[in-house]
Amino acid sequence: MYQKTITEREAGQRFDKYLHKLLPEAGNGFLYKMLRKKNIVLNGKKAEGSEKISPGDVVTVYFQDETLQKFMGKTDMGSKDVCQDAISVLYENSHVLLADKPAGILTQKAAKEDLSFNECLIAYLLGGQAITPEELRTFKPSACNRLDRNTSGIVLCAKTVQGAQMLSDLLKTRSLHKFYRLYVKGTIAEEKTIEGYLYKDEKHNTVTIDRDAGRPKASYICTRYLPIRQEADKTLLEVELITGKSHQIRAHLSSIGHPLLGDYKYGDRAWNEKYRQKYDVNHQLLHAYRVVFPPMEGIWADLSERAFMAPMPEIFGQVADDGFS
């Protein structure tokens, strides 16, 4: 027999979804059969699976230990030693965590052998005893926004189901304002909002930008930029993502003749090579610099209208004012 009291971290999700995480190796039909037969009960009573679980609820699974372990499988707990430099916490409460991700690490795994920011987040929380290995079976803290491997800056992380639901809602409704800093080629003198339509080539993981919505499956995009500093051959910009699509900033700015410094996919290779040889710039200089939360109430009041910033990486200062004249 296995018995577990629901914690605040796990609360807020449907009971059947909780069971799929607790017993990931068990099939959907099998789980509902166990509910019908009362081999799995909630608070000592028969459950349908559609119930929303709350803190203090008690889940009981009447399986033999061997069967239980078979259906539970293994839990990935991350590596504290490998991840020690990947988590720089900017803000943390009981539900959410904001961290500054360095360039060079994936937010989520792309392949089984990858080390991701999500694993490092779990290792950090385990190390601080903010979560237990048992809780990881039914809810895994994770990043709610995805940054490219070589994009640095603020990652929004959920530590609880409620935190995940809140952040997901803010991102979906675009009520959380996200700002990036980056260097682009050429001179930009005025603030401007640009629009377009983004088409993604899934096979080659590239996107193209069209001015009109003529292509099937193209997504509307909107990007606002503000020049921070003009230099000899480049401009430091602050960009606000009004929409948030894959590679949007890189491709959109490149499409108007201002590619990002260090961007070999959408940028100017000859220009990039000068900075690579002198400063070892080998990826796009794109930093998720600031987020601003909307007015919020209740358990989220501490976040209401607050802004959080991630320090600029050193490389931005190193390349400043160099125009190779």
C-alpha atoms as a PDB file:
ATOM      1  CA  MET A   1       0.000   0.000   0.000  1.00  0.00           C
ATOM      2  CA  TYR A   2       1.098   3.566  -0.752  1.00  0.00           C
ATOM      3  CA  GLN A   3      -0.345   6.618   0.972  1.00  0.00           C
ATOM      4  CA  LYS A   4       0.408  10.266   0.285  1.00  0.00           C
ATOM      5  CA  THR A   5      -0.939  13.562   1.674  1.00  0.00           C
ATOM      6  CA  ILE A   6      -1.262  16.234  -1.002  1.00  0.00           C
ATOM      7  CA  THR A   7       0.991  19.237  -0.434  1.00  0.00           C
ATOM      8  CA  GLU A   8       0.382  22.839  -1.469  1.00  0.00           C
ATOM      9  CA  ARG A   9       2.892  22.331  -4.285  1.00  0.00           C
ATOM     10  CA  GLU A  10       0.803  19.551  -5.864  1.00  0.00           C
ATOM     11  CA  ALA A  11      -2.649  21.032  -5.192  1.00  0.00           C
ATOM     12  CA  GLY A  12      -4.879  22.484  -7.895  1.00  0.00           C
ATOM     13  CA  GLN A  13      -4.598  19.738 -10.519  1.00  0.00           C
ATOM     14  CA  ARG A  14      -7.119  17.089 -11.500  1.00  0.00           C
ATOM     15  CA  PHE A  15      -6.833  13.817  -9.628  1.00  0.00           C
ATOM     16  CA  ASP A  16      -6.408  11.751 -12.804  1.00  0.00           C
ATOM     17  CA  LYS A  17      -3.556  14.002 -13.992  1.00  0.00           C
ATOM     18  CA  TYR A  18      -1.912  13.614 -10.601  1.00  0.00           C
ATOM     19  CA  LEU A  19      -2.179   9.821 -10.909  1.00  0.00           C
ATOM     20  CA  HIS A  20      -0.618   9.837 -14.382  1.00  0.00           C
ATOM     21  CA  LYS A  21       2.414  11.608 -12.871  1.00  0.00           C
ATOM     22  CA  LEU A  22       2.504   9.380  -9.786  1.00  0.00           C
ATOM     23  CA  LEU A  23       2.228   6.208 -11.906  1.00  0.00           C
ATOM     24  CA  PRO A  24       3.666   7.194 -15.302  1.00  0.00           C
ATOM     25  CA  GLU A  25       4.144   3.597 -16.442  1.00  0.00           C
ATOM     26  CA  ALA A  26       0.450   2.742 -15.924  1.00  0.00           C
ATOM     27  CA  GLY A  27      -1.948   3.111 -18.828  1.00  0.00           C
ATOM     28  CA  ASN A  28      -4.959   5.391 -18.847  1.00  0.00           C
ATOM     29  CA  GLY A  29      -7.488   2.556 -18.960  1.00  0.00           C
ATOM     30  CA  PHE A  30      -5.728   0.722 -16.142  1.00  0.00           C
ATOM     31  CA  LEU A  31      -5.848   3.765 -13.850  1.00  0.00           C
ATOM     32  CA  TYR A  32      -9.574   4.289 -14.367  1.00  0.00           C
ATOM     33  CA  LYS A  33     -10.163   0.597 -13.742  1.00  0.00           C
ATOM     34  CA  MET A  34      -8.279   0.890 -10.440  1.00  0.00           C
ATOM     35  CA  LEU A  35     -10.440   3.899  -9.507  1.00  0.00           C
ATOM     36  CA  ARG A  36     -13.632   1.971 -10.254  1.00  0.00           C
ATOM     37  CA  LYS A  37     -12.442  -0.991  -8.192  1.00  0.00           C
ATOM     38  CA  LYS A  38     -11.375   1.330  -5.337  1.00  0.00           C
ATOM     39  CA  ASN A  39      -7.788   0.113  -5.546  1.00  0.00           C
ATOM     40  CA  ILE A  40      -7.005   3.831  -5.720  1.00  0.00           C
ATOM     41  CA  VAL A  41      -9.045   6.102  -3.441  1.00  0.00           C
ATOM     42  CA  LEU A  42      -9.109   9.771  -2.485  1.00  0.00           C
ATOM     43  CA  ASN A  43      -9.688  10.605   1.188  1.00  0.00           C
ATOM     44  CA  GLY A  44     -10.756   6.995   1.750  1.00  0.00           C
ATOM     45  CA  LYS A  45     -13.570   7.211  -0.817  1.00  0.00           C
ATOM     46  CA  LYS A  46     -14.148   6.138  -4.393  1.00  0.00           C
ATOM     47  CA  ALA A  47     -13.045   8.826  -6.858  1.00  0.00           C
ATOM     48  CA  GLU A  48     -13.918   9.523 -10.504  1.00  0.00           C
ATOM     49  CA  GLY A  49     -10.592  11.138 -11.412  1.00  0.00           C
ATOM     50  CA  SER A  50     -12.061  14.534 -12.321  1.00  0.00           C
ATOM     51  CA  GLU A  51     -11.777  15.881  -8.765  1.00  0.00           C
ATOM     52  CA  LYS A  52      -9.453  18.830  -8.162  1.00  0.00           C
ATOM     53  CA  ILE A  53      -7.073  17.883  -5.360  1.00  0.00           C
ATOM     54  CA  SER A  54      -6.417  20.209  -2.415  1.00  0.00           C
ATOM     55  CA  PRO A  55      -3.737  20.461   0.283  1.00  0.00           C
ATOM     56  CA  GLY A  56      -4.379  17.815   2.945  1.00  0.00           C
ATOM     57  CA  ASP A  57      -6.182  15.370   0.646  1.00  0.00           C
ATOM     58  CA  VAL A  58      -5.002  11.788   1.157  1.00  0.00           C
ATOM     59  CA  VAL A  59      -4.319   9.485  -1.786  1.00  0.00           C
ATOM     60  CA  THR A  60      -4.177   5.753  -1.098  1.00  0.00           C
ATOM     61  CA  VAL A  61      -3.009   3.178  -3.650  1.00  0.00           C
ATOM     62  CA  TYR A  62      -3.643  -0.465  -2.735  1.00  0.00           C
ATOM     63  CA  PHE A  63      -0.865  -2.071  -4.805  1.00  0.00           C
ATOM     64  CA  GLN A  64       1.795  -4.530  -3.757  1.00  0.00           C
ATOM     65  CA  ASP A  65       5.244  -2.903  -3.456  1.00  0.00           C
ATOM     66  CA  GLU A  66       6.604  -4.659  -6.544  1.00  0.00           C
ATOM     67  CA  THR A  67       3.645  -3.519  -8.661  1.00  0.00           C
ATOM     68  CA  LEU A  68       3.840  -0.011  -7.232  1.00  0.00           C
ATOM     69  CA  GLN A  69       7.525   0.388  -8.109  1.00  0.00           C
ATOM     70  CA  LYS A  70       6.906  -0.944 -11.604  1.00  0.00           C
ATOM     71  CA  PHE A  71       4.264   1.670 -12.351  1.00  0.00           C
ATOM     72  CA  MET A  72       6.105   4.527 -10.609  1.00  0.00           C
ATOM     73  CA  GLY A  73       9.270   4.153 -12.689  1.00  0.00           C
ATOM     74  CA  LYS A  74      12.259   6.401 -12.041  1.00  0.00           C
ATOM     75  CA  THR A  75      12.390  10.093 -11.130  1.00  0.00           C
ATOM     76  CA  ASP A  76      15.015  12.420 -12.640  1.00  0.00           C
ATOM     77  CA  MET A  77      16.378  14.565  -9.813  1.00  0.00           C
ATOM     78  CA  GLY A  78      18.979  16.579 -11.702  1.00  0.00           C
ATOM     79  CA  SER A  79      22.633  17.005 -10.784  1.00  0.00           C
ATOM     80  CA  LYS A  80      23.527  19.533  -8.117  1.00  0.00           C
ATOM     81  CA  ASP A  81      27.251  19.507  -8.932  1.00  0.00           C
ATOM     82  CA  VAL A  82      26.859  20.036 -12.674  1.00  0.00           C
ATOM     83  CA  CYS A  83      24.146  22.674 -12.237  1.00  0.00           C
ATOM     84  CA  GLN A  84      25.696  24.865  -9.569  1.00  0.00           C
ATOM     85  CA  ASP A  85      26.455  27.726 -12.000  1.00  0.00           C
ATOM     86  CA  ALA A  86      23.207  27.508 -13.982  1.00  0.00           C
ATOM     87  CA  ILE A  87      20.782  28.854 -11.370  1.00  0.00           C
ATOM     88  CA  SER A  88      21.141  32.483 -10.359  1.00  0.00           C
ATOM     89  CA  VAL A  89      17.960  33.343  -8.456  1.00  0.00           C
ATOM     90  CA  LEU A  90      16.488  36.825  -8.942  1.00  0.00           C
ATOM     91  CA  TYR A  91      13.280  36.259  -6.952  1.00  0.00           C
ATOM     92  CA  GLU A  92      11.625  33.342  -5.195  1.00  0.00           C
ATOM     93  CA  ASN A  93       8.495  32.696  -3.172  1.00  0.00           C
ATOM     94  CA  SER A  94       6.606  29.522  -2.345  1.00  0.00           C
ATOM     95  CA  HIS A  95       5.016  29.293  -5.818  1.00  0.00           C
ATOM     96  CA  VAL A  96       7.396  30.818  -8.383  1.00  0.00           C
ATOM     97  CA  LEU A  97      11.065  31.456  -9.000  1.00  0.00           C
ATOM     98  CA  LEU A  98      12.733  33.872 -11.414  1.00  0.00           C
ATOM     99  CA  ALA A  99      16.251  32.938 -12.468  1.00  0.00           C
ATOM    100  CA  ASP A 100      18.958  34.357 -14.729  1.00  0.00           C
ATOM    101  CA  LYS A 101      19.874  31.641 -17.254  1.00  0.00           C
ATOM    102  CA  PRO A 102      23.367  31.834 -18.761  1.00  0.00           C
ATOM    103  CA  ALA A 103      23.864  31.441 -22.499  1.00  0.00           C
ATOM    104  CA  GLY A 104      24.838  27.941 -23.573  1.00  0.00           C
ATOM    105  CA  ILE A 105      22.268  25.879 -21.676  1.00  0.00           C
ATOM    106  CA  LEU A 106      18.944  24.600 -22.987  1.00  0.00           C
ATOM    107  CA  THR A 107      15.771  25.528 -21.123  1.00  0.00           C
ATOM    108  CA  GLN A 108      14.335  22.070 -21.817  1.00  0.00           C
ATOM    109  CA  LYS A 109      15.906  18.878 -23.115  1.00  0.00           C
ATOM    110  CA  ALA A 110      16.155  18.467 -26.882  1.00  0.00           C
ATOM    111  CA  ALA A 111      17.710  14.996 -26.591  1.00  0.00           C
ATOM    112  CA  LYS A 112      17.904  12.398 -23.825  1.00  0.00           C
ATOM    113  CA  GLU A 113      21.575  13.109 -23.120  1.00  0.00           C
ATOM    114  CA  ASP A 114      21.106  16.892 -22.798  1.00  0.00           C
ATOM    115  CA  LEU A 115      21.498  18.743 -19.523  1.00  0.00           C
ATOM    116  CA  SER A 116      18.752  21.341 -19.271  1.00  0.00           C
ATOM    117  CA  PHE A 117      17.903  24.320 -17.109  1.00  0.00           C
ATOM    118  CA  ASN A 118      14.850  22.410 -15.843  1.00  0.00           C
ATOM    119  CA  GLU A 119      17.065  19.691 -14.378  1.00  0.00           C
ATOM    120  CA  CYS A 120      19.216  22.332 -12.709  1.00  0.00           C
ATOM    121  CA  LEU A 121      16.107  23.965 -11.249  1.00  0.00           C
ATOM    122  CA  ILE A 122      15.056  20.651  -9.723  1.00  0.00           C
ATOM    123  CA  ALA A 123      18.554  20.073  -8.340  1.00  0.00           C
ATOM    124  CA  TYR A 124      18.508  23.560  -6.787  1.00  0.00           C
ATOM    125  CA  LEU A 125      15.127  22.996  -5.133  1.00  0.00           C
ATOM    126  CA  LEU A 126      16.107  19.552  -3.866  1.00  0.00           C
ATOM    127  CA  GLY A 127      19.343  20.942  -2.447  1.00  0.00           C
ATOM    128  CA  GLY A 128      17.447  23.633  -0.553  1.00  0.00           C
ATOM    129  CA  GLN A 129      14.826  21.117   0.585  1.00  0.00           C
ATOM    130  CA  ALA A 130      12.128  23.173  -1.101  1.00  0.00           C
ATOM    131  CA  ILE A 131      10.817  19.978  -2.685  1.00  0.00           C
ATOM    132  CA  THR A 132      11.140  16.273  -1.890  1.00  0.00           C
ATOM    133  CA  PRO A 133      11.957  13.400  -4.252  1.00  0.00           C
ATOM    134  CA  GLU A 134       8.498  12.001  -3.552  1.00  0.00           C
ATOM    135  CA  GLU A 135       6.799  15.232  -4.675  1.00  0.00           C
ATOM    136  CA  LEU A 136       8.698  15.092  -7.963  1.00  0.00           C
ATOM    137  CA  ARG A 137       6.655  12.068  -8.947  1.00  0.00           C
ATOM    138  CA  THR A 138       3.483  14.132  -9.174  1.00  0.00           C
ATOM    139  CA  PHE A 139       4.696  17.634  -9.990  1.00  0.00           C
ATOM    140  CA  LYS A 140       7.978  18.732 -11.526  1.00  0.00           C
ATOM    141  CA  PRO A 141       8.929  22.402 -11.174  1.00  0.00           C
ATOM    142  CA  SER A 142       9.827  23.786 -14.577  1.00  0.00           C
ATOM    143  CA  ALA A 143      10.400  26.865 -16.707  1.00  0.00           C
ATOM    144  CA  CYS A 144       7.217  28.384 -18.142  1.00  0.00           C
ATOM    145  CA  ASN A 145       8.943  30.428 -20.858  1.00  0.00           C
ATOM    146  CA  ARG A 146      11.540  28.945 -23.168  1.00  0.00           C
ATOM    147  CA  LEU A 147      14.724  30.785 -24.133  1.00  0.00           C
ATOM    148  CA  ASP A 148      16.987  29.557 -26.931  1.00  0.00           C
ATOM    149  CA  ARG A 149      20.146  27.764 -25.828  1.00  0.00           C
ATOM    150  CA  ASN A 150      22.296  30.820 -26.536  1.00  0.00           C
ATOM    151  CA  THR A 151      19.861  33.435 -25.227  1.00  0.00           C
ATOM    152  CA  SER A 152      20.584  34.491 -21.657  1.00  0.00           C
ATOM    153  CA  GLY A 153      18.375  36.129 -19.075  1.00  0.00           C
ATOM    154  CA  ILE A 154      15.159  35.775 -17.113  1.00  0.00           C
ATOM    155  CA  VAL A 155      13.422  32.420 -16.969  1.00  0.00           C
ATOM    156  CA  LEU A 156      10.034  32.238 -15.224  1.00  0.00           C
ATOM    157  CA  CYS A 157       9.748  29.053 -13.185  1.00  0.00           C
ATOM    158  CA  ALA A 158       6.809  27.382 -11.463  1.00  0.00           C
ATOM    159  CA  LYS A 159       7.404  25.642  -8.131  1.00  0.00           C
ATOM    160  CA  THR A 160       3.760  24.614  -7.691  1.00  0.00           C
ATOM    161  CA  VAL A 161       0.727  23.805  -9.829  1.00  0.00           C
ATOM    162  CA  GLN A 162      -0.789  27.173  -8.853  1.00  0.00           C
ATOM    163  CA  GLY A 163       2.406  28.928  -9.873  1.00  0.00           C
ATOM    164  CA  ALA A 164       2.402  27.153 -13.242  1.00  0.00           C
ATOM    165  CA  GLN A 165      -1.238  28.070 -13.857  1.00  0.00           C
ATOM    166  CA  MET A 166      -0.647  31.722 -12.966  1.00  0.00           C
ATOM    167  CA  LEU A 167       2.454  32.142 -15.142  1.00  0.00           C
ATOM    168  CA  SER A 168       0.847  30.277 -18.022  1.00  0.00           C
ATOM    169  CA  ASP A 169      -2.157  32.595 -17.876  1.00  0.00           C
ATOM    170  CA  LEU A 170       0.032  35.728 -17.853  1.00  0.00           C
ATOM    171  CA  LEU A 171       1.977  34.504 -20.868  1.00  0.00           C
ATOM    172  CA  LYS A 172      -1.145  33.435 -22.742  1.00  0.00           C
ATOM    173  CA  THR A 173      -2.921  36.753 -22.197  1.00  0.00           C
ATOM    174  CA  ARG A 174       0.310  38.736 -22.840  1.00  0.00           C
ATOM    175  CA  SER A 175      -0.226  40.677 -19.619  1.00  0.00           C
ATOM    176  CA  LEU A 176       3.357  40.034 -18.501  1.00  0.00           C
ATOM    177  CA  HIS A 177       5.682  42.473 -20.276  1.00  0.00           C
ATOM    178  CA  LYS A 178       9.010  40.990 -21.457  1.00  0.00           C
ATOM    179  CA  PHE A 179      11.980  43.120 -22.514  1.00  0.00           C
ATOM    180  CA  TYR A 180      15.247  42.042 -24.163  1.00  0.00           C
ATOM    181  CA  ARG A 181      18.540  43.825 -24.782  1.00  0.00           C
ATOM    182  CA  LEU A 182      20.660  43.117 -27.826  1.00  0.00           C
ATOM    183  CA  TYR A 183      23.096  44.595 -30.306  1.00  0.00           C
ATOM    184  CA  VAL A 184      22.052  44.994 -33.936  1.00  0.00           C
ATOM    185  CA  LYS A 185      24.031  46.051 -36.979  1.00  0.00           C
ATOM    186  CA  GLY A 186      23.650  49.645 -38.155  1.00  0.00           C
ATOM    187  CA  THR A 187      22.057  52.750 -36.677  1.00  0.00           C
ATOM    188  CA  ILE A 188      18.560  52.873 -35.218  1.00  0.00           C
ATOM    189  CA  ALA A 189      17.580  56.320 -34.012  1.00  0.00           C
ATOM    190  CA  GLU A 190      13.876  56.077 -33.165  1.00  0.00           C
ATOM    191  CA  GLU A 191      11.507  53.922 -31.172  1.00  0.00           C
ATOM    192  CA  LYS A 192       9.261  51.886 -33.422  1.00  0.00           C
ATOM    193  CA  THR A 193       6.718  49.049 -33.462  1.00  0.00           C
ATOM    194  CA  ILE A 194       6.957  46.660 -36.396  1.00  0.00           C
ATOM    195  CA  GLU A 195       4.547  43.944 -37.504  1.00  0.00           C
ATOM    196  CA  GLY A 196       4.710  40.974 -39.809  1.00  0.00           C
ATOM    197  CA  TYR A 197       3.901  37.299 -40.276  1.00  0.00           C
ATOM    198  CA  LEU A 198       6.270  34.549 -39.193  1.00  0.00           C
ATOM    199  CA  TYR A 199       6.448  31.202 -40.937  1.00  0.00           C
ATOM    200  CA  LYS A 200       8.394  28.395 -39.270  1.00  0.00           C
ATOM    201  CA  ASP A 201      10.182  25.635 -41.174  1.00  0.00           C
ATOM    202  CA  GLU A 202      10.008  22.834 -38.602  1.00  0.00           C
ATOM    203  CA  LYS A 203      12.347  20.574 -40.567  1.00  0.00           C
ATOM    204  CA  HIS A 204      15.229  23.065 -40.563  1.00  0.00           C
ATOM    205  CA  ASN A 205      14.275  24.976 -37.369  1.00  0.00           C
ATOM    206  CA  THR A 206      14.312  28.332 -39.149  1.00  0.00           C
ATOM    207  CA  VAL A 207      11.723  31.039 -39.626  1.00  0.00           C
ATOM    208  CA  THR A 208      11.026  33.586 -42.343  1.00  0.00           C
ATOM    209  CA  ILE A 209       9.183  36.889 -42.047  1.00  0.00           C
ATOM    210  CA  ASP A 210       6.506  38.080 -44.483  1.00  0.00           C
ATOM    211  CA  ARG A 211       4.872  41.507 -44.505  1.00  0.00           C
ATOM    212  CA  ASP A 212       1.475  40.057 -45.395  1.00  0.00           C
ATOM    213  CA  ALA A 213      -0.473  37.000 -44.247  1.00  0.00           C
ATOM    214  CA  GLY A 214      -0.275  35.236 -47.582  1.00  0.00           C
ATOM    215  CA  ARG A 215       1.356  32.002 -46.489  1.00  0.00           C
ATOM    216  CA  PRO A 216      -0.616  29.196 -44.782  1.00  0.00           C
ATOM    217  CA  LYS A 217       0.233  28.626 -41.103  1.00  0.00           C
ATOM    218  CA  ALA A 218       2.053  31.955 -40.812  1.00  0.00           C
ATOM    219  CA  SER A 219       1.631  33.643 -37.400  1.00  0.00           C
ATOM    220  CA  TYR A 220       1.112  37.338 -36.780  1.00  0.00           C
ATOM    221  CA  ILE A 221       4.006  38.960 -34.886  1.00  0.00           C
ATOM    222  CA  CYS A 222       4.542  42.355 -33.301  1.00  0.00           C
ATOM    223  CA  THR A 223       7.864  43.679 -32.021  1.00  0.00           C
ATOM    224  CA  ARG A 224       8.581  47.030 -30.369  1.00  0.00           C
ATOM    225  CA  TYR A 225      12.119  48.403 -30.075  1.00  0.00           C
ATOM    226  CA  LEU A 226      13.794  51.373 -28.416  1.00  0.00           C
ATOM    227  CA  PRO A 227      17.409  52.437 -29.090  1.00  0.00           C
ATOM    228  CA  ILE A 228      19.461  52.627 -25.884  1.00  0.00           C
ATOM    229  CA  ARG A 229      22.828  53.612 -27.341  1.00  0.00           C
ATOM    230  CA  GLN A 230      24.170  54.199 -30.858  1.00  0.00           C
ATOM    231  CA  GLU A 231      27.737  53.088 -31.559  1.00  0.00           C
ATOM    232  CA  ALA A 232      30.054  53.148 -34.558  1.00  0.00           C
ATOM    233  CA  ASP A 233      28.648  50.145 -36.411  1.00  0.00           C
ATOM    234  CA  LYS A 234      25.817  48.970 -34.166  1.00  0.00           C
ATOM    235  CA  THR A 235      22.986  49.971 -31.854  1.00  0.00           C
ATOM    236  CA  LEU A 236      22.136  48.645 -28.406  1.00  0.00           C
ATOM    237  CA  LEU A 237      18.375  48.061 -28.405  1.00  0.00           C
ATOM    238  CA  GLU A 238      15.721  47.258 -25.849  1.00  0.00           C
ATOM    239  CA  VAL A 239      13.023  45.135 -27.461  1.00  0.00           C
ATOM    240  CA  GLU A 240       9.589  44.350 -26.079  1.00  0.00           C
ATOM    241  CA  LEU A 241       7.951  41.206 -27.383  1.00  0.00           C
ATOM    242  CA  ILE A 242       4.313  42.015 -27.975  1.00  0.00           C
ATOM    243  CA  THR A 243       3.860  38.524 -29.373  1.00  0.00           C
ATOM    244  CA  GLY A 244       6.227  35.715 -28.499  1.00  0.00           C
ATOM    245  CA  LYS A 245       7.127  33.379 -31.354  1.00  0.00           C
ATOM    246  CA  SER A 246      10.172  31.198 -31.959  1.00  0.00           C
ATOM    247  CA  HIS A 247      13.168  33.254 -33.181  1.00  0.00           C
ATOM    248  CA  GLN A 248      10.901  36.304 -33.489  1.00  0.00           C
ATOM    249  CA  ILE A 249      13.380  38.981 -32.413  1.00  0.00           C
ATOM    250  CA  ARG A 250      16.276  37.594 -34.436  1.00  0.00           C
ATOM    251  CA  ALA A 251      14.351  37.088 -37.671  1.00  0.00           C
ATOM    252  CA  HIS A 252      12.160  40.185 -37.435  1.00  0.00           C
ATOM    253  CA  LEU A 253      15.051  42.606 -36.938  1.00  0.00           C
ATOM    254  CA  SER A 254      17.109  40.874 -39.608  1.00  0.00           C
ATOM    255  CA  SER A 255      14.193  41.269 -42.033  1.00  0.00           C
ATOM    256  CA  ILE A 256      14.396  45.080 -41.701  1.00  0.00           C
ATOM    257  CA  GLY A 257      18.166  45.174 -42.237  1.00  0.00           C
ATOM    258  CA  HIS A 258      19.355  45.128 -38.608  1.00  0.00           C
ATOM    259  CA  PRO A 259      20.579  41.594 -37.781  1.00  0.00           C
ATOM    260  CA  LEU A 260      21.722  40.694 -34.265  1.00  0.00           C
ATOM    261  CA  LEU A 261      25.401  40.663 -33.412  1.00  0.00           C
ATOM    262  CA  GLY A 262      26.651  37.086 -33.249  1.00  0.00           C
ATOM    263  CA  ASP A 263      23.631  35.586 -34.988  1.00  0.00           C
ATOM    264  CA  TYR A 264      24.934  33.184 -37.619  1.00  0.00           C
ATOM    265  CA  LYS A 265      21.484  31.865 -38.543  1.00  0.00           C
ATOM    266  CA  TYR A 266      19.804  35.146 -39.502  1.00  0.00           C
ATOM    267  CA  GLY A 267      22.702  37.606 -39.338  1.00  0.00           C
ATOM    268  CA  ASP A 268      25.634  39.080 -41.263  1.00  0.00           C
ATOM    269  CA  ARG A 269      28.408  36.483 -41.280  1.00  0.00           C
ATOM    270  CA  ALA A 270      31.263  38.829 -42.243  1.00  0.00           C
ATOM    271  CA  TRP A 271      30.300  41.333 -39.521  1.00  0.00           C
ATOM    272  CA  ASN A 272      29.919  38.554 -36.960  1.00  0.00           C
ATOM    273  CA  GLU A 273      33.347  37.147 -37.821  1.00  0.00           C
ATOM    274  CA  LYS A 274      35.077  40.389 -36.859  1.00  0.00           C
ATOM    275  CA  TYR A 275      33.602  40.230 -33.376  1.00  0.00           C
ATOM    276  CA  ARG A 276      34.189  36.500 -33.111  1.00  0.00           C
ATOM    277  CA  GLN A 277      37.891  36.876 -33.849  1.00  0.00           C
ATOM    278  CA  LYS A 278      38.417  39.814 -31.486  1.00  0.00           C
ATOM    279  CA  TYR A 279      35.973  39.018 -28.638  1.00  0.00           C
ATOM    280  CA  ASP A 280      35.084  35.354 -29.180  1.00  0.00           C
ATOM    281  CA  VAL A 281      31.433  36.245 -29.834  1.00  0.00           C
ATOM    282  CA  ASN A 282      30.136  32.901 -31.116  1.00  0.00           C
ATOM    283  CA  HIS A 283      26.402  33.233 -30.504  1.00  0.00           C
ATOM    284  CA  GLN A 284      23.722  35.911 -30.735  1.00  0.00           C
ATOM    285  CA  LEU A 285      24.011  38.609 -28.054  1.00  0.00           C
ATOM    286  CA  LEU A 286      20.407  38.432 -26.891  1.00  0.00           C
ATOM    287  CA  HIS A 287      19.536  38.875 -23.220  1.00  0.00           C
ATOM    288  CA  ALA A 288      16.087  38.584 -21.598  1.00  0.00           C
ATOM    289  CA  TYR A 289      16.718  41.651 -19.481  1.00  0.00           C
ATOM    290  CA  ARG A 290      13.505  42.648 -17.718  1.00  0.00           C
ATOM    291  CA  VAL A 291       9.963  41.463 -16.924  1.00  0.00           C
ATOM    292  CA  VAL A 292       7.121  43.572 -15.526  1.00  0.00           C
ATOM    293  CA  PHE A 293       4.130  41.962 -13.823  1.00  0.00           C
ATOM    294  CA  PRO A 294       0.601  43.389 -14.149  1.00  0.00           C
ATOM    295  CA  PRO A 295      -1.573  44.414 -11.163  1.00  0.00           C
ATOM    296  CA  MET A 296      -2.244  41.272  -9.119  1.00  0.00           C
ATOM    297  CA  GLU A 297      -4.147  40.381  -5.958  1.00  0.00           C
ATOM    298  CA  GLY A 298      -4.432  37.696  -3.298  1.00  0.00           C
ATOM    299  CA  ILE A 299      -1.488  35.318  -3.017  1.00  0.00           C
ATOM    300  CA  TRP A 300       0.142  37.116  -5.964  1.00  0.00           C
ATOM    301  CA  ALA A 301       0.015  40.606  -4.424  1.00  0.00           C
ATOM    302  CA  ASP A 302       3.757  40.556  -3.767  1.00  0.00           C
ATOM    303  CA  LEU A 303       4.336  40.423  -7.533  1.00  0.00           C
ATOM    304  CA  SER A 304       1.843  43.150  -8.406  1.00  0.00           C
ATOM    305  CA  GLU A 305       3.321  45.688 -10.851  1.00  0.00           C
ATOM    306  CA  ARG A 306       6.855  44.671  -9.921  1.00  0.00           C
ATOM    307  CA  ALA A 307       9.764  44.713 -12.372  1.00  0.00           C
ATOM    308  CA  PHE A 308      12.684  42.286 -12.236  1.00  0.00           C
ATOM    309  CA  MET A 309      15.962  42.664 -14.103  1.00  0.00           C
ATOM    310  CA  ALA A 310      18.800  40.268 -14.923  1.00  0.00           C
ATOM    311  CA  PRO A 311      22.315  41.838 -14.978  1.00  0.00           C
ATOM    312  CA  MET A 312      23.792  42.262 -18.439  1.00  0.00           C
ATOM    313  CA  PRO A 313      26.402  39.621 -19.375  1.00  0.00           C
ATOM    314  CA  GLU A 314      30.015  40.865 -19.418  1.00  0.00           C
ATOM    315  CA  ILE A 315      30.357  40.359 -23.165  1.00  0.00           C
ATOM    316  CA  PHE A 316      27.980  43.281 -23.810  1.00  0.00           C
ATOM    317  CA  GLY A 317      30.398  45.635 -22.066  1.00  0.00           C
ATOM    318  CA  GLN A 318      33.413  44.145 -23.800  1.00  0.00           C
ATOM    319  CA  VAL A 319      32.118  44.814 -27.317  1.00  0.00           C
ATOM    320  CA  ALA A 320      30.713  48.272 -26.523  1.00  0.00           C
ATOM    321  CA  ASP A 321      31.890  51.157 -28.729  1.00  0.00           C
ATOM    322  CA  ASP A 322      34.023  48.960 -30.975  1.00  0.00           C
ATOM    323  CA  GLY A 323      33.238  49.722 -34.603  1.00  0.00           C
ATOM    324  CA  PHE A 324      36.450  48.344 -36.173  1.00  0.00           C
ATOM    325  CA  SER A 325      37.270  51.693 -37.730  1.00  0.00           C
END
